[in-house]
N, C-alpha and C. Protein backbone atom coordinates (compact mmCIF):
# COMPACT_ATOMS: atom_id res chain seq x y z
N MET A 1 19.12 0.23 6.67
CA MET A 1 18.97 0.88 8.03
C MET A 1 18.02 2.07 8.02
N ALA A 2 18.09 2.76 6.90
CA ALA A 2 17.24 4.03 6.78
C ALA A 2 15.76 3.80 6.55
N LYS A 3 15.45 2.69 5.94
CA LYS A 3 14.02 2.47 5.60
C LYS A 3 13.03 2.68 6.75
N PRO A 4 13.29 2.12 7.96
CA PRO A 4 12.30 2.37 9.06
C PRO A 4 12.13 3.84 9.39
N LEU A 5 13.20 4.64 9.13
CA LEU A 5 13.11 6.02 9.54
C LEU A 5 12.38 6.93 8.59
N LEU A 6 12.14 6.44 7.35
CA LEU A 6 11.48 7.27 6.36
C LEU A 6 10.06 7.78 6.83
N LYS A 7 9.36 6.95 7.58
CA LYS A 7 8.10 7.34 8.07
C LYS A 7 8.12 8.40 9.21
N GLU A 8 9.31 8.64 9.73
CA GLU A 8 9.45 9.59 10.79
C GLU A 8 9.85 10.98 10.26
N ILE A 9 10.04 11.11 8.98
CA ILE A 9 10.46 12.46 8.40
C ILE A 9 9.33 13.40 8.60
N GLU A 10 9.63 14.58 9.14
CA GLU A 10 8.64 15.61 9.44
C GLU A 10 9.05 16.95 8.83
N VAL A 11 9.67 16.92 7.72
CA VAL A 11 10.08 18.18 7.06
C VAL A 11 9.75 18.02 5.51
N PRO A 12 9.49 19.16 4.80
CA PRO A 12 9.24 19.02 3.40
C PRO A 12 10.43 18.30 2.64
N VAL A 13 10.00 17.45 1.68
CA VAL A 13 11.01 16.65 0.95
C VAL A 13 10.80 16.84 -0.51
N PHE A 14 11.93 17.05 -1.31
CA PHE A 14 11.95 17.07 -2.66
C PHE A 14 12.77 15.95 -3.22
N ILE A 15 12.25 15.06 -3.96
CA ILE A 15 12.93 13.87 -4.44
C ILE A 15 13.22 14.10 -5.98
N ALA A 16 14.39 14.09 -6.41
CA ALA A 16 14.82 14.19 -7.79
C ALA A 16 15.44 12.96 -8.28
N GLN A 17 15.07 12.51 -9.49
CA GLN A 17 15.52 11.26 -10.04
C GLN A 17 15.76 11.34 -11.55
N GLY A 18 16.83 10.87 -11.99
CA GLY A 18 17.09 10.78 -13.44
C GLY A 18 16.57 9.49 -13.97
N LYS A 19 15.81 9.50 -15.04
CA LYS A 19 15.25 8.26 -15.61
C LYS A 19 16.32 7.47 -16.30
N LYS A 20 17.49 7.98 -16.63
CA LYS A 20 18.59 7.25 -17.27
C LYS A 20 19.66 6.93 -16.26
N ASP A 21 19.39 7.02 -15.03
CA ASP A 21 20.33 6.69 -13.92
C ASP A 21 20.64 5.24 -13.87
N GLY A 22 21.86 4.87 -14.16
CA GLY A 22 22.33 3.47 -14.18
C GLY A 22 22.71 2.97 -12.82
N ILE A 23 22.75 3.79 -11.85
CA ILE A 23 23.16 3.34 -10.50
C ILE A 23 21.89 3.25 -9.56
N VAL A 24 21.08 4.25 -9.47
CA VAL A 24 19.92 4.30 -8.66
C VAL A 24 18.68 4.17 -9.54
N PRO A 25 17.92 3.07 -9.53
CA PRO A 25 16.80 2.90 -10.45
C PRO A 25 15.71 3.90 -10.14
N PRO A 26 14.99 4.38 -11.20
CA PRO A 26 13.93 5.34 -10.97
C PRO A 26 12.83 4.92 -10.01
N LYS A 27 12.61 3.61 -9.89
CA LYS A 27 11.61 3.11 -8.92
C LYS A 27 12.02 3.50 -7.45
N SER A 28 13.28 3.87 -7.22
CA SER A 28 13.70 4.19 -5.90
C SER A 28 13.00 5.50 -5.43
N ALA A 29 12.80 6.46 -6.41
CA ALA A 29 12.13 7.71 -6.11
C ALA A 29 10.73 7.43 -5.74
N ASP A 30 10.07 6.51 -6.44
CA ASP A 30 8.61 6.18 -6.15
C ASP A 30 8.60 5.55 -4.77
N PHE A 31 9.52 4.67 -4.43
CA PHE A 31 9.59 4.03 -3.12
C PHE A 31 9.65 5.10 -1.99
N LEU A 32 10.57 5.99 -2.16
CA LEU A 32 10.82 7.08 -1.18
C LEU A 32 9.55 7.94 -1.04
N TYR A 33 8.89 8.29 -2.15
CA TYR A 33 7.75 9.09 -2.15
C TYR A 33 6.58 8.36 -1.39
N GLU A 34 6.48 7.07 -1.53
CA GLU A 34 5.42 6.38 -0.89
C GLU A 34 5.69 6.10 0.59
N GLU A 35 6.96 5.87 0.90
CA GLU A 35 7.27 5.54 2.31
C GLU A 35 7.32 6.83 3.21
N ILE A 36 7.69 7.95 2.64
CA ILE A 36 7.69 9.19 3.42
C ILE A 36 6.20 9.61 3.53
N THR A 37 5.67 9.63 4.79
CA THR A 37 4.32 9.92 4.97
C THR A 37 4.00 11.44 5.17
N TYR A 38 5.09 12.24 5.34
CA TYR A 38 4.87 13.69 5.52
C TYR A 38 4.20 14.23 4.23
N LYS A 39 3.18 15.11 4.45
CA LYS A 39 2.43 15.51 3.32
C LYS A 39 3.11 16.47 2.35
N GLU A 40 4.05 17.26 2.78
CA GLU A 40 4.74 18.21 1.95
C GLU A 40 5.90 17.54 1.27
N LYS A 41 5.60 16.95 0.11
CA LYS A 41 6.66 16.20 -0.61
C LYS A 41 6.34 16.37 -2.11
N GLU A 42 7.41 16.30 -2.87
CA GLU A 42 7.36 16.37 -4.28
C GLU A 42 8.38 15.49 -4.94
N ARG A 43 7.98 14.98 -6.06
CA ARG A 43 8.84 14.04 -6.81
C ARG A 43 9.01 14.60 -8.20
N TYR A 44 10.34 14.64 -8.65
CA TYR A 44 10.62 15.14 -10.00
C TYR A 44 11.51 14.11 -10.77
N PHE A 45 11.08 13.82 -11.97
CA PHE A 45 11.86 12.93 -12.84
C PHE A 45 12.40 13.71 -14.00
N SER A 46 13.67 13.58 -14.18
CA SER A 46 14.29 14.12 -15.43
C SER A 46 14.39 13.07 -16.47
N ASP A 47 13.90 13.29 -17.69
CA ASP A 47 13.96 12.45 -18.82
C ASP A 47 15.43 12.19 -19.31
N GLU A 48 16.24 13.22 -19.06
CA GLU A 48 17.60 13.24 -19.60
C GLU A 48 18.68 12.83 -18.64
N ALA A 49 18.48 12.99 -17.35
CA ALA A 49 19.50 12.78 -16.39
C ALA A 49 19.91 11.36 -16.11
N LYS A 50 21.23 11.21 -15.93
CA LYS A 50 21.81 9.96 -15.45
C LYS A 50 22.01 10.19 -13.92
N HIS A 51 23.08 9.57 -13.38
CA HIS A 51 23.23 9.63 -11.97
C HIS A 51 23.59 11.04 -11.43
N LEU A 52 24.37 11.76 -12.18
CA LEU A 52 24.73 13.18 -11.75
C LEU A 52 23.69 14.08 -12.25
N ILE A 53 22.51 14.09 -11.70
CA ILE A 53 21.36 14.82 -12.21
C ILE A 53 21.56 16.34 -12.33
N CYS A 54 22.45 16.94 -11.49
CA CYS A 54 22.73 18.37 -11.58
C CYS A 54 23.58 18.72 -12.80
N HIS A 55 24.12 17.73 -13.47
CA HIS A 55 24.96 17.97 -14.60
C HIS A 55 24.27 17.52 -15.87
N SER A 56 23.03 17.24 -15.84
CA SER A 56 22.32 16.80 -17.10
C SER A 56 21.99 17.98 -18.02
N ASP A 57 21.56 17.68 -19.20
CA ASP A 57 21.24 18.68 -20.17
C ASP A 57 20.00 19.47 -19.79
N ASP A 58 19.13 18.84 -19.00
CA ASP A 58 17.89 19.55 -18.54
C ASP A 58 18.00 20.00 -17.07
N SER A 59 19.19 20.30 -16.57
CA SER A 59 19.34 20.60 -15.16
C SER A 59 18.69 21.95 -14.87
N GLU A 60 18.57 22.90 -15.76
CA GLU A 60 17.94 24.15 -15.48
C GLU A 60 16.49 23.94 -15.06
N GLU A 61 15.82 22.95 -15.62
CA GLU A 61 14.38 22.69 -15.22
C GLU A 61 14.38 22.19 -13.78
N LEU A 62 15.37 21.26 -13.50
CA LEU A 62 15.44 20.81 -12.09
C LEU A 62 15.70 21.91 -11.16
N PHE A 63 16.61 22.80 -11.48
CA PHE A 63 16.91 23.98 -10.56
C PHE A 63 15.69 24.78 -10.33
N GLU A 64 14.87 25.04 -11.41
CA GLU A 64 13.72 25.86 -11.30
C GLU A 64 12.67 25.17 -10.35
N LYS A 65 12.56 23.82 -10.55
CA LYS A 65 11.59 23.08 -9.67
C LYS A 65 12.04 23.13 -8.20
N VAL A 66 13.32 23.03 -7.99
CA VAL A 66 13.79 23.07 -6.60
C VAL A 66 13.58 24.48 -6.00
N LYS A 67 13.84 25.49 -6.81
CA LYS A 67 13.55 26.87 -6.33
C LYS A 67 12.04 27.08 -6.00
N ILE A 68 11.16 26.67 -6.83
CA ILE A 68 9.80 26.77 -6.56
C ILE A 68 9.47 26.05 -5.33
N PHE A 69 9.94 24.84 -5.08
CA PHE A 69 9.70 24.05 -3.91
C PHE A 69 10.18 24.79 -2.64
N LEU A 70 11.38 25.37 -2.68
CA LEU A 70 11.94 26.03 -1.58
C LEU A 70 11.20 27.32 -1.23
N ASP A 71 10.71 27.98 -2.29
CA ASP A 71 9.99 29.21 -2.08
C ASP A 71 8.63 29.00 -1.45
N LYS A 72 8.07 27.79 -1.38
CA LYS A 72 6.79 27.57 -0.76
C LYS A 72 6.80 27.65 0.69
């Protein structure tokens, strides 16, 4: 249901994805990035993260990336 609405997004978007996520495949982040046509978007992949990306061993890197994105 949400797929047709992705092209209508008109706010900055940060997409974070764990490469070891066993629930949501990493290609989903690529799909979202390509479908969202708004120019202010960023994609981040964590090499260590599983599904709970905020609890991964490299979460500090994610938090820093999010902070930089929000500060723009």
